[in-house]
Amino acid sequence: MKRVLITGASGLIGKQLISFLSNYNFEIIILSRSKNNSSNTFIWNIENRFIEPDALNNLDYIIHLAGAGIGNKRWTKKRKKEIIDSRVKSAELLFSEIAKLEKKPKAIISASAI
């Protein structure tokens, strides 16, 4: 069974992707800002540069979809900065933590808000 980590799993694309990959027997690991009862959900805090231990262990793939919603609020200068920062900082955190791994994922897809 292939293991895939998904950020942004609660979004429109993330939800559909989880459903699709589950049909093909992927083990889904989720990075989330809040914990639920699932053993496959791990916490991350981008501002504090924290990813829960073991979240990135033995992954085959990472699909990075996380980022501030682009349609939720008016695009002020402040909001544009939040949108960009949420994507850049989360990707930087993921890549810095992946660099520390002995076994790195086979592929990483970063498609946040394209």
PDB file of N, CA and C in Angstrom:
ATOM      1  N   MET A   1       0.841  -1.180   0.000  1.00  0.00           N
ATOM      2  CA  MET A   1       0.000   0.000   0.000  1.00  0.00           C
ATOM      3  C   MET A   1       0.888   1.245   0.000  1.00  0.00           C
ATOM      4  N   LYS A   2       0.623   2.156  -0.901  1.00  0.00           N
ATOM      5  CA  LYS A   2       1.375   3.405  -1.000  1.00  0.00           C
ATOM      6  C   LYS A   2       0.836   4.410   0.021  1.00  0.00           C
ATOM      7  N   ARG A   3       1.774   5.153   0.633  1.00  0.00           N
ATOM      8  CA  ARG A   3       1.407   6.169   1.634  1.00  0.00           C
ATOM      9  C   ARG A   3       1.555   7.564   1.027  1.00  0.00           C
ATOM     10  N   VAL A   4       0.486   8.352   1.107  1.00  0.00           N
ATOM     11  CA  VAL A   4       0.513   9.709   0.580  1.00  0.00           C
ATOM     12  C   VAL A   4       0.075  10.682   1.669  1.00  0.00           C
ATOM     13  N   LEU A   5       0.858  11.733   1.841  1.00  0.00           N
ATOM     14  CA  LEU A   5       0.514  12.788   2.786  1.00  0.00           C
ATOM     15  C   LEU A   5      -0.135  13.919   2.009  1.00  0.00           C
ATOM     16  N   ILE A   6      -1.231  14.439   2.545  1.00  0.00           N
ATOM     17  CA  ILE A   6      -1.946  15.525   1.895  1.00  0.00           C
ATOM     18  C   ILE A   6      -2.074  16.683   2.866  1.00  0.00           C
ATOM     19  N   THR A   7      -1.666  17.881   2.409  1.00  0.00           N
ATOM     20  CA  THR A   7      -1.962  19.107   3.144  1.00  0.00           C
ATOM     21  C   THR A   7      -3.140  19.760   2.434  1.00  0.00           C
ATOM     22  N   GLY A   8      -3.929  20.528   3.153  1.00  0.00           N
ATOM     23  CA  GLY A   8      -5.103  21.129   2.531  1.00  0.00           C
ATOM     24  C   GLY A   8      -6.193  20.118   2.275  1.00  0.00           C
ATOM     25  N   ALA A   9      -6.223  19.071   3.076  1.00  0.00           N
ATOM     26  CA  ALA A   9      -7.160  17.962   2.869  1.00  0.00           C
ATOM     27  C   ALA A   9      -8.612  18.352   3.108  1.00  0.00           C
ATOM     28  N   SER A  10      -8.865  19.417   3.852  1.00  0.00           N
ATOM     29  CA  SER A  10     -10.247  19.814   4.132  1.00  0.00           C
ATOM     30  C   SER A  10     -10.819  20.722   3.049  1.00  0.00           C
ATOM     31  N   GLY A  11     -10.007  21.094   2.080  1.00  0.00           N
ATOM     32  CA  GLY A  11     -10.476  21.950   0.994  1.00  0.00           C
ATOM     33  C   GLY A  11     -11.227  21.176  -0.071  1.00  0.00           C
ATOM     34  N   LEU A  12     -11.741  21.897  -1.023  1.00  0.00           N
ATOM     35  CA  LEU A  12     -12.549  21.315  -2.105  1.00  0.00           C
ATOM     36  C   LEU A  12     -11.784  20.220  -2.855  1.00  0.00           C
ATOM     37  N   ILE A  13     -10.573  20.513  -3.277  1.00  0.00           N
ATOM     38  CA  ILE A  13      -9.786  19.528  -4.026  1.00  0.00           C
ATOM     39  C   ILE A  13      -9.297  18.422  -3.105  1.00  0.00           C
ATOM     40  N   GLY A  14      -8.864  18.789  -1.903  1.00  0.00           N
ATOM     41  CA  GLY A  14      -8.353  17.803  -0.958  1.00  0.00           C
ATOM     42  C   GLY A  14      -9.364  16.722  -0.627  1.00  0.00           C
ATOM     43  N   LYS A  15     -10.596  17.122  -0.387  1.00  0.00           N
ATOM     44  CA  LYS A  15     -11.655  16.144  -0.062  1.00  0.00           C
ATOM     45  C   LYS A  15     -11.871  15.162  -1.206  1.00  0.00           C
ATOM     46  N   GLN A  16     -11.924  15.692  -2.418  1.00  0.00           N
ATOM     47  CA  GLN A  16     -12.133  14.840  -3.590  1.00  0.00           C
ATOM     48  C   GLN A  16     -10.940  13.921  -3.829  1.00  0.00           C
ATOM     49  N   LEU A  17      -9.756  14.454  -3.614  1.00  0.00           N
ATOM     50  CA  LEU A  17      -8.537  13.672  -3.810  1.00  0.00           C
ATOM     51  C   LEU A  17      -8.467  12.504  -2.830  1.00  0.00           C
ATOM     52  N   ILE A  18      -8.825  12.750  -1.580  1.00  0.00           N
ATOM     53  CA  ILE A  18      -8.833  11.681  -0.579  1.00  0.00           C
ATOM     54  C   ILE A  18      -9.792  10.573  -0.996  1.00  0.00           C
ATOM     55  N   SER A  19     -10.972  10.950  -1.432  1.00  0.00           N
ATOM     56  CA  SER A  19     -11.954   9.963  -1.884  1.00  0.00           C
ATOM     57  C   SER A  19     -11.413   9.157  -3.063  1.00  0.00           C
ATOM     58  N   PHE A  20     -10.817   9.835  -4.017  1.00  0.00           N
ATOM     59  CA  PHE A  20     -10.270   9.180  -5.205  1.00  0.00           C
ATOM     60  C   PHE A  20      -9.142   8.218  -4.837  1.00  0.00           C
ATOM     61  N   LEU A  21      -8.168   8.698  -4.063  1.00  0.00           N
ATOM     62  CA  LEU A  21      -7.014   7.863  -3.723  1.00  0.00           C
ATOM     63  C   LEU A  21      -7.391   6.678  -2.838  1.00  0.00           C
ATOM     64  N   SER A  22      -8.389   6.868  -2.001  1.00  0.00           N
ATOM     65  CA  SER A  22      -8.857   5.773  -1.147  1.00  0.00           C
ATOM     66  C   SER A  22      -9.390   4.615  -1.979  1.00  0.00           C
ATOM     67  N   ASN A  23      -9.994   4.923  -3.104  1.00  0.00           N
ATOM     68  CA  ASN A  23     -10.502   3.883  -4.014  1.00  0.00           C
ATOM     69  C   ASN A  23      -9.384   3.061  -4.639  1.00  0.00           C
ATOM     70  N   TYR A  24      -8.173   3.610  -4.617  1.00  0.00           N
ATOM     71  CA  TYR A  24      -7.022   2.914  -5.192  1.00  0.00           C
ATOM     72  C   TYR A  24      -6.067   2.415  -4.104  1.00  0.00           C
ATOM     73  N   ASN A  25      -6.611   2.230  -2.918  1.00  0.00           N
ATOM     74  CA  ASN A  25      -5.898   1.634  -1.785  1.00  0.00           C
ATOM     75  C   ASN A  25      -4.650   2.396  -1.340  1.00  0.00           C
ATOM     76  N   PHE A  26      -4.670   3.705  -1.448  1.00  0.00           N
ATOM     77  CA  PHE A  26      -3.607   4.514  -0.874  1.00  0.00           C
ATOM     78  C   PHE A  26      -3.884   4.698   0.608  1.00  0.00           C
ATOM     79  N   GLU A  27      -2.841   4.673   1.411  1.00  0.00           N
ATOM     80  CA  GLU A  27      -2.978   5.049   2.814  1.00  0.00           C
ATOM     81  C   GLU A  27      -2.813   6.566   2.866  1.00  0.00           C
ATOM     82  N   ILE A  28      -3.825   7.246   3.351  1.00  0.00           N
ATOM     83  CA  ILE A  28      -3.850   8.702   3.371  1.00  0.00           C
ATOM     84  C   ILE A  28      -3.383   9.209   4.736  1.00  0.00           C
ATOM     85  N   ILE A  29      -2.375  10.079   4.720  1.00  0.00           N
ATOM     86  CA  ILE A  29      -1.900  10.770   5.908  1.00  0.00           C
ATOM     87  C   ILE A  29      -2.247  12.241   5.711  1.00  0.00           C
ATOM     88  N   ILE A  30      -2.793  12.870   6.742  1.00  0.00           N
ATOM     89  CA  ILE A  30      -3.239  14.259   6.624  1.00  0.00           C
ATOM     90  C   ILE A  30      -2.451  15.135   7.587  1.00  0.00           C
ATOM     91  N   LEU A  31      -1.970  16.268   7.083  1.00  0.00           N
ATOM     92  CA  LEU A  31      -1.416  17.307   7.951  1.00  0.00           C
ATOM     93  C   LEU A  31      -2.507  18.344   8.131  1.00  0.00           C
ATOM     94  N   SER A  32      -2.812  18.663   9.380  1.00  0.00           N
ATOM     95  CA  SER A  32      -3.909  19.568   9.686  1.00  0.00           C
ATOM     96  C   SER A  32      -3.515  20.514  10.809  1.00  0.00           C
ATOM     97  N   ARG A  33      -4.195  21.643  10.862  1.00  0.00           N
ATOM     98  CA  ARG A  33      -3.960  22.581  11.970  1.00  0.00           C
ATOM     99  C   ARG A  33      -4.666  22.138  13.244  1.00  0.00           C
ATOM    100  N   SER A  34      -5.593  21.188  13.119  1.00  0.00           N
ATOM    101  CA  SER A  34      -6.301  20.701  14.309  1.00  0.00           C
ATOM    102  C   SER A  34      -6.386  19.175  14.268  1.00  0.00           C
ATOM    103  N   LYS A  35      -6.371  18.585  15.448  1.00  0.00           N
ATOM    104  CA  LYS A  35      -6.381  17.128  15.589  1.00  0.00           C
ATOM    105  C   LYS A  35      -7.814  16.616  15.551  1.00  0.00           C
ATOM    106  N   ASN A  36      -8.019  15.486  14.889  1.00  0.00           N
ATOM    107  CA  ASN A  36      -9.303  14.797  14.977  1.00  0.00           C
ATOM    108  C   ASN A  36      -9.034  13.403  15.548  1.00  0.00           C
ATOM    109  N   ASN A  37      -9.987  12.548  15.522  1.00  0.00           N
ATOM    110  CA  ASN A  37      -9.837  11.225  16.131  1.00  0.00           C
ATOM    111  C   ASN A  37      -9.088  10.228  15.262  1.00  0.00           C
ATOM    112  N   SER A  38      -8.731  10.619  14.061  1.00  0.00           N
ATOM    113  CA  SER A  38      -8.050   9.717  13.146  1.00  0.00           C
ATOM    114  C   SER A  38      -6.574   9.566  13.503  1.00  0.00           C
ATOM    115  N   SER A  39      -6.098   8.341  13.464  1.00  0.00           N
ATOM    116  CA  SER A  39      -4.681   8.091  13.728  1.00  0.00           C
ATOM    117  C   SER A  39      -3.821   8.526  12.544  1.00  0.00           C
ATOM    118  N   ASN A  40      -4.449   8.836  11.412  1.00  0.00           N
ATOM    119  CA  ASN A  40      -3.718   9.261  10.226  1.00  0.00           C
ATOM    120  C   ASN A  40      -3.678  10.782  10.065  1.00  0.00           C
ATOM    121  N   THR A  41      -4.105  11.506  11.097  1.00  0.00           N
ATOM    122  CA  THR A  41      -4.054  12.964  11.059  1.00  0.00           C
ATOM    123  C   THR A  41      -2.968  13.445  12.004  1.00  0.00           C
ATOM    124  N   PHE A  42      -2.093  14.285  11.473  1.00  0.00           N
ATOM    125  CA  PHE A  42      -0.999  14.849  12.251  1.00  0.00           C
ATOM    126  C   PHE A  42      -1.109  16.371  12.242  1.00  0.00           C
ATOM    127  N   ILE A  43      -0.648  16.985  13.306  1.00  0.00           N
ATOM    128  CA  ILE A  43      -0.719  18.437  13.468  1.00  0.00           C
ATOM    129  C   ILE A  43       0.511  19.097  12.862  1.00  0.00           C
ATOM    130  N   TRP A  44       0.274  20.261  12.275  1.00  0.00           N
ATOM    131  CA  TRP A  44       1.382  21.131  11.912  1.00  0.00           C
ATOM    132  C   TRP A  44       1.007  22.561  12.220  1.00  0.00           C
ATOM    133  N   ASN A  45       2.018  23.358  12.509  1.00  0.00           N
ATOM    134  CA  ASN A  45       1.839  24.776  12.799  1.00  0.00           C
ATOM    135  C   ASN A  45       2.908  25.511  11.998  1.00  0.00           C
ATOM    136  N   ILE A  46       2.474  26.150  10.963  1.00  0.00           N
ATOM    137  CA  ILE A  46       3.413  26.763  10.025  1.00  0.00           C
ATOM    138  C   ILE A  46       4.156  27.927  10.676  1.00  0.00           C
ATOM    139  N   GLU A  47       3.454  28.758  11.421  1.00  0.00           N
ATOM    140  CA  GLU A  47       4.092  29.918  12.058  1.00  0.00           C
ATOM    141  C   GLU A  47       5.164  29.494  13.060  1.00  0.00           C
ATOM    142  N   ASN A  48       4.919  28.402  13.770  1.00  0.00           N
ATOM    143  CA  ASN A  48       5.890  27.900  14.748  1.00  0.00           C
ATOM    144  C   ASN A  48       6.882  26.913  14.140  1.00  0.00           C
ATOM    145  N   ARG A  49       6.763  26.683  12.825  1.00  0.00           N
ATOM    146  CA  ARG A  49       7.644  25.760  12.097  1.00  0.00           C
ATOM    147  C   ARG A  49       7.667  24.378  12.752  1.00  0.00           C
ATOM    148  N   PHE A  50       6.462  23.848  12.984  1.00  0.00           N
ATOM    149  CA  PHE A  50       6.313  22.564  13.671  1.00  0.00           C
ATOM    150  C   PHE A  50       5.496  21.600  12.827  1.00  0.00           C
ATOM    151  N   ILE A  51       5.995  20.377  12.706  1.00  0.00           N
ATOM    152  CA  ILE A  51       5.236  19.253  12.150  1.00  0.00           C
ATOM    153  C   ILE A  51       5.338  18.125  13.162  1.00  0.00           C
ATOM    154  N   GLU A  52       4.193  17.565  13.517  1.00  0.00           N
ATOM    155  CA  GLU A  52       4.159  16.501  14.515  1.00  0.00           C
ATOM    156  C   GLU A  52       5.106  15.359  14.123  1.00  0.00           C
ATOM    157  N   PRO A  53       5.871  14.859  15.108  1.00  0.00           N
ATOM    158  CA  PRO A  53       6.802  13.759  14.813  1.00  0.00           C
ATOM    159  C   PRO A  53       6.083  12.583  14.144  1.00  0.00           C
ATOM    160  N   ASP A  54       6.767  11.939  13.251  1.00  0.00           N
ATOM    161  CA  ASP A  54       6.303  10.757  12.514  1.00  0.00           C
ATOM    162  C   ASP A  54       5.368  11.063  11.343  1.00  0.00           C
ATOM    163  N   ALA A  55       4.937  12.300  11.192  1.00  0.00           N
ATOM    164  CA  ALA A  55       4.021  12.622  10.090  1.00  0.00           C
ATOM    165  C   ALA A  55       4.649  12.362   8.729  1.00  0.00           C
ATOM    166  N   LEU A  56       5.944  12.571   8.611  1.00  0.00           N
ATOM    167  CA  LEU A  56       6.611  12.447   7.314  1.00  0.00           C
ATOM    168  C   LEU A  56       7.351  11.129   7.131  1.00  0.00           C
ATOM    169  N   ASN A  57       7.209  10.225   8.071  1.00  0.00           N
ATOM    170  CA  ASN A  57       7.924   8.954   7.996  1.00  0.00           C
ATOM    171  C   ASN A  57       7.325   8.015   6.957  1.00  0.00           C
ATOM    172  N   ASN A  58       8.198   7.404   6.165  1.00  0.00           N
ATOM    173  CA  ASN A  58       7.828   6.341   5.231  1.00  0.00           C
ATOM    174  C   ASN A  58       6.740   6.729   4.236  1.00  0.00           C
ATOM    175  N   LEU A  59       6.834   7.949   3.726  1.00  0.00           N
ATOM    176  CA  LEU A  59       5.867   8.398   2.726  1.00  0.00           C
ATOM    177  C   LEU A  59       6.367   8.054   1.330  1.00  0.00           C
ATOM    178  N   ASP A  60       5.417   7.736   0.464  1.00  0.00           N
ATOM    179  CA  ASP A  60       5.744   7.553  -0.940  1.00  0.00           C
ATOM    180  C   ASP A  60       5.558   8.863  -1.704  1.00  0.00           C
ATOM    181  N   TYR A  61       4.538   9.629  -1.313  1.00  0.00           N
ATOM    182  CA  TYR A  61       4.208  10.857  -2.024  1.00  0.00           C
ATOM    183  C   TYR A  61       3.708  11.914  -1.045  1.00  0.00           C
ATOM    184  N   ILE A  62       3.879  13.180  -1.436  1.00  0.00           N
ATOM    185  CA  ILE A  62       3.286  14.306  -0.712  1.00  0.00           C
ATOM    186  C   ILE A  62       2.534  15.153  -1.733  1.00  0.00           C
ATOM    187  N   ILE A  63       1.303  15.499  -1.386  1.00  0.00           N
ATOM    188  CA  ILE A  63       0.514  16.410  -2.208  1.00  0.00           C
ATOM    189  C   ILE A  63       0.190  17.614  -1.330  1.00  0.00           C
ATOM    190  N   HIS A  64       0.764  18.745  -1.687  1.00  0.00           N
ATOM    191  CA  HIS A  64       0.651  19.965  -0.885  1.00  0.00           C
ATOM    192  C   HIS A  64      -0.376  20.905  -1.514  1.00  0.00           C
ATOM    193  N   LEU A  65      -1.529  21.013  -0.862  1.00  0.00           N
ATOM    194  CA  LEU A  65      -2.624  21.848  -1.351  1.00  0.00           C
ATOM    195  C   LEU A  65      -2.965  22.986  -0.392  1.00  0.00           C
ATOM    196  N   ALA A  66      -2.309  23.049   0.756  1.00  0.00           N
ATOM    197  CA  ALA A  66      -2.680  23.987   1.819  1.00  0.00           C
ATOM    198  C   ALA A  66      -2.418  25.436   1.429  1.00  0.00           C
ATOM    199  N   GLY A  67      -3.254  26.300   1.957  1.00  0.00           N
ATOM    200  CA  GLY A  67      -3.086  27.736   1.784  1.00  0.00           C
ATOM    201  C   GLY A  67      -4.360  28.458   2.163  1.00  0.00           C
ATOM    202  N   ALA A  68      -4.212  29.722   2.517  1.00  0.00           N
ATOM    203  CA  ALA A  68      -5.376  30.544   2.863  1.00  0.00           C
ATOM    204  C   ALA A  68      -6.339  30.575   1.676  1.00  0.00           C
ATOM    205  N   GLY A  69      -7.630  30.530   1.988  1.00  0.00           N
ATOM    206  CA  GLY A  69      -8.650  30.522   0.942  1.00  0.00           C
ATOM    207  C   GLY A  69      -8.589  31.765   0.065  1.00  0.00           C
ATOM    208  N   ILE A  70      -8.668  31.572  -1.237  1.00  0.00           N
ATOM    209  CA  ILE A  70      -8.559  32.710  -2.146  1.00  0.00           C
ATOM    210  C   ILE A  70      -9.903  33.392  -2.412  1.00  0.00           C
ATOM    211  N   GLY A  71     -10.986  32.742  -2.038  1.00  0.00           N
ATOM    212  CA  GLY A  71     -12.295  33.327  -2.293  1.00  0.00           C
ATOM    213  C   GLY A  71     -13.044  33.727  -1.034  1.00  0.00           C
ATOM    214  N   ASN A  72     -12.413  33.578   0.123  1.00  0.00           N
ATOM    215  CA  ASN A  72     -13.096  33.809   1.389  1.00  0.00           C
ATOM    216  C   ASN A  72     -13.288  35.283   1.730  1.00  0.00           C
ATOM    217  N   LYS A  73     -12.320  36.103   1.351  1.00  0.00           N
ATOM    218  CA  LYS A  73     -12.321  37.502   1.775  1.00  0.00           C
ATOM    219  C   LYS A  73     -11.886  38.394   0.623  1.00  0.00           C
ATOM    220  N   ARG A  74     -12.148  39.658   0.785  1.00  0.00           N
ATOM    221  CA  ARG A  74     -11.719  40.663  -0.188  1.00  0.00           C
ATOM    222  C   ARG A  74     -10.187  40.697  -0.263  1.00  0.00           C
ATOM    223  N   TRP A  75      -9.660  40.896  -1.445  1.00  0.00           N
ATOM    224  CA  TRP A  75      -8.220  40.876  -1.677  1.00  0.00           C
ATOM    225  C   TRP A  75      -7.582  42.232  -1.377  1.00  0.00           C
ATOM    226  N   THR A  76      -7.440  42.551  -0.127  1.00  0.00           N
ATOM    227  CA  THR A  76      -6.714  43.740   0.286  1.00  0.00           C
ATOM    228  C   THR A  76      -5.224  43.434   0.213  1.00  0.00           C
ATOM    229  N   LYS A  77      -4.375  44.450   0.401  1.00  0.00           N
ATOM    230  CA  LYS A  77      -2.931  44.199   0.434  1.00  0.00           C
ATOM    231  C   LYS A  77      -2.601  43.202   1.533  1.00  0.00           C
ATOM    232  N   LYS A  78      -3.234  43.367   2.684  1.00  0.00           N
ATOM    233  CA  LYS A  78      -2.981  42.466   3.815  1.00  0.00           C
ATOM    234  C   LYS A  78      -3.393  41.039   3.465  1.00  0.00           C
ATOM    235  N   ARG A  79      -4.566  40.885   2.854  1.00  0.00           N
ATOM    236  CA  ARG A  79      -5.062  39.548   2.509  1.00  0.00           C
ATOM    237  C   ARG A  79      -4.173  38.889   1.443  1.00  0.00           C
ATOM    238  N   LYS A  80      -3.729  39.655   0.466  1.00  0.00           N
ATOM    239  CA  LYS A  80      -2.834  39.108  -0.553  1.00  0.00           C
ATOM    240  C   LYS A  80      -1.556  38.580   0.088  1.00  0.00           C
ATOM    241  N   LYS A  81      -1.028  39.324   1.049  1.00  0.00           N
ATOM    242  CA  LYS A  81       0.173  38.879   1.749  1.00  0.00           C
ATOM    243  C   LYS A  81      -0.104  37.581   2.501  1.00  0.00           C
ATOM    244  N   GLU A  82      -1.261  37.481   3.163  1.00  0.00           N
ATOM    245  CA  GLU A  82      -1.643  36.250   3.873  1.00  0.00           C
ATOM    246  C   GLU A  82      -1.722  35.072   2.905  1.00  0.00           C
ATOM    247  N   ILE A  83      -2.319  35.286   1.748  1.00  0.00           N
ATOM    248  CA  ILE A  83      -2.468  34.220   0.747  1.00  0.00           C
ATOM    249  C   ILE A  83      -1.095  33.733   0.283  1.00  0.00           C
ATOM    250  N   ILE A  84      -0.233  34.663  -0.056  1.00  0.00           N
ATOM    251  CA  ILE A  84       1.103  34.290  -0.518  1.00  0.00           C
ATOM    252  C   ILE A  84       1.904  33.640   0.597  1.00  0.00           C
ATOM    253  N   ASP A  85       1.935  34.277   1.766  1.00  0.00           N
ATOM    254  CA  ASP A  85       2.714  33.736   2.892  1.00  0.00           C
ATOM    255  C   ASP A  85       2.262  32.340   3.290  1.00  0.00           C
ATOM    256  N   SER A  86       0.958  32.102   3.248  1.00  0.00           N
ATOM    257  CA  SER A  86       0.456  30.786   3.658  1.00  0.00           C
ATOM    258  C   SER A  86       0.986  29.688   2.744  1.00  0.00           C
ATOM    259  N   ARG A  87       1.197  30.010   1.500  1.00  0.00           N
ATOM    260  CA  ARG A  87       1.703  29.025   0.543  1.00  0.00           C
ATOM    261  C   ARG A  87       3.225  28.897   0.609  1.00  0.00           C
ATOM    262  N   VAL A  88       3.887  30.029   0.646  1.00  0.00           N
ATOM    263  CA  VAL A  88       5.354  30.018   0.661  1.00  0.00           C
ATOM    264  C   VAL A  88       5.880  29.409   1.965  1.00  0.00           C
ATOM    265  N   LYS A  89       5.363  29.867   3.094  1.00  0.00           N
ATOM    266  CA  LYS A  89       5.864  29.378   4.383  1.00  0.00           C
ATOM    267  C   LYS A  89       5.561  27.898   4.599  1.00  0.00           C
ATOM    268  N   SER A  90       4.390  27.449   4.164  1.00  0.00           N
ATOM    269  CA  SER A  90       4.064  26.024   4.334  1.00  0.00           C
ATOM    270  C   SER A  90       4.954  25.154   3.457  1.00  0.00           C
ATOM    271  N   ALA A  91       5.199  25.591   2.232  1.00  0.00           N
ATOM    272  CA  ALA A  91       6.083  24.828   1.335  1.00  0.00           C
ATOM    273  C   ALA A  91       7.511  24.817   1.875  1.00  0.00           C
ATOM    274  N   GLU A  92       7.979  25.950   2.377  1.00  0.00           N
ATOM    275  CA  GLU A  92       9.324  26.013   2.957  1.00  0.00           C
ATOM    276  C   GLU A  92       9.457  25.064   4.139  1.00  0.00           C
ATOM    277  N   LEU A  93       8.442  25.036   4.999  1.00  0.00           N
ATOM    278  CA  LEU A  93       8.473  24.137   6.155  1.00  0.00           C
ATOM    279  C   LEU A  93       8.518  22.679   5.706  1.00  0.00           C
ATOM    280  N   LEU A  94       7.661  22.318   4.781  1.00  0.00           N
ATOM    281  CA  LEU A  94       7.659  20.942   4.282  1.00  0.00           C
ATOM    282  C   LEU A  94       9.019  20.559   3.712  1.00  0.00           C
ATOM    283  N   PHE A  95       9.552  21.385   2.856  1.00  0.00           N
ATOM    284  CA  PHE A  95      10.816  21.054   2.202  1.00  0.00           C
ATOM    285  C   PHE A  95      11.981  21.013   3.180  1.00  0.00           C
ATOM    286  N   SER A  96      11.977  21.879   4.186  1.00  0.00           N
ATOM    287  CA  SER A  96      13.066  21.827   5.170  1.00  0.00           C
ATOM    288  C   SER A  96      12.984  20.555   6.005  1.00  0.00           C
ATOM    289  N   GLU A  97      11.780  20.100   6.316  1.00  0.00           N
ATOM    290  CA  GLU A  97      11.623  18.869   7.097  1.00  0.00           C
ATOM    291  C   GLU A  97      11.902  17.632   6.238  1.00  0.00           C
ATOM    292  N   ILE A  98      11.536  17.671   4.983  1.00  0.00           N
ATOM    293  CA  ILE A  98      11.818  16.553   4.073  1.00  0.00           C
ATOM    294  C   ILE A  98      13.325  16.380   3.901  1.00  0.00           C
ATOM    295  N   ALA A  99      14.039  17.480   3.864  1.00  0.00           N
ATOM    296  CA  ALA A  99      15.496  17.426   3.688  1.00  0.00           C
ATOM    297  C   ALA A  99      16.180  16.654   4.812  1.00  0.00           C
ATOM    298  N   LYS A 100      15.555  16.598   5.978  1.00  0.00           N
ATOM    299  CA  LYS A 100      16.118  15.901   7.134  1.00  0.00           C
ATOM    300  C   LYS A 100      15.854  14.395   7.114  1.00  0.00           C
ATOM    301  N   LEU A 101      14.957  13.949   6.248  1.00  0.00           N
ATOM    302  CA  LEU A 101      14.560  12.545   6.227  1.00  0.00           C
ATOM    303  C   LEU A 101      15.613  11.657   5.583  1.00  0.00           C
ATOM    304  N   GLU A 102      15.777  10.466   6.138  1.00  0.00           N
ATOM    305  CA  GLU A 102      16.637   9.471   5.489  1.00  0.00           C
ATOM    306  C   GLU A 102      15.949   8.927   4.234  1.00  0.00           C
ATOM    307  N   LYS A 103      14.683   8.542   4.387  1.00  0.00           N
ATOM    308  CA  LYS A 103      13.909   8.042   3.245  1.00  0.00           C
ATOM    309  C   LYS A 103      12.974   9.158   2.788  1.00  0.00           C
ATOM    310  N   LYS A 104      13.294   9.709   1.636  1.00  0.00           N
ATOM    311  CA  LYS A 104      12.511  10.813   1.108  1.00  0.00           C
ATOM    312  C   LYS A 104      11.378  10.293   0.220  1.00  0.00           C
ATOM    313  N   PRO A 105      10.296  11.048   0.100  1.00  0.00           N
ATOM    314  CA  PRO A 105       9.205  10.634  -0.792  1.00  0.00           C
ATOM    315  C   PRO A 105       9.675  10.537  -2.243  1.00  0.00           C
ATOM    316  N   LYS A 106       9.004   9.691  -3.009  1.00  0.00           N
ATOM    317  CA  LYS A 106       9.330   9.521  -4.427  1.00  0.00           C
ATOM    318  C   LYS A 106       8.969  10.760  -5.230  1.00  0.00           C
ATOM    319  N   ALA A 107       7.894  11.441  -4.817  1.00  0.00           N
ATOM    320  CA  ALA A 107       7.443  12.624  -5.542  1.00  0.00           C
ATOM    321  C   ALA A 107       6.707  13.565  -4.603  1.00  0.00           C
ATOM    322  N   ILE A 108       6.799  14.849  -4.922  1.00  0.00           N
ATOM    323  CA  ILE A 108       6.081  15.892  -4.184  1.00  0.00           C
ATOM    324  C   ILE A 108       5.358  16.742  -5.210  1.00  0.00           C
ATOM    325  N   ILE A 109       4.070  16.915  -4.972  1.00  0.00           N
ATOM    326  CA  ILE A 109       3.261  17.774  -5.845  1.00  0.00           C
ATOM    327  C   ILE A 109       2.807  18.939  -5.003  1.00  0.00           C
ATOM    328  N   SER A 110       3.136  20.136  -5.424  1.00  0.00           N
ATOM    329  CA  SER A 110       2.687  21.342  -4.743  1.00  0.00           C
ATOM    330  C   SER A 110       1.790  22.100  -5.698  1.00  0.00           C
ATOM    331  N   ALA A 111       0.511  22.152  -5.389  1.00  0.00           N
ATOM    332  CA  ALA A 111      -0.460  22.742  -6.302  1.00  0.00           C
ATOM    333  C   ALA A 111      -1.425  23.655  -5.578  1.00  0.00           C
ATOM    334  N   SER A 112      -0.937  24.380  -4.630  1.00  0.00           N
ATOM    335  CA  SER A 112      -1.761  25.235  -3.810  1.00  0.00           C
ATOM    336  C   SER A 112      -2.269  26.437  -4.607  1.00  0.00           C
ATOM    337  N   ALA A 113      -3.584  26.494  -4.824  1.00  0.00           N
ATOM    338  CA  ALA A 113      -4.281  27.627  -5.458  1.00  0.00           C
ATOM    339  C   ALA A 113      -3.859  27.924  -6.895  1.00  0.00           C
ATOM    340  N   ILE A 114      -3.721  26.874  -7.680  1.00  0.00           N
ATOM    341  CA  ILE A 114      -3.394  27.143  -9.087  1.00  0.00           C
ATOM    342  C   ILE A 114      -4.655  27.106  -9.926  1.00  0.00           C
TER     343      ILE A 114
END
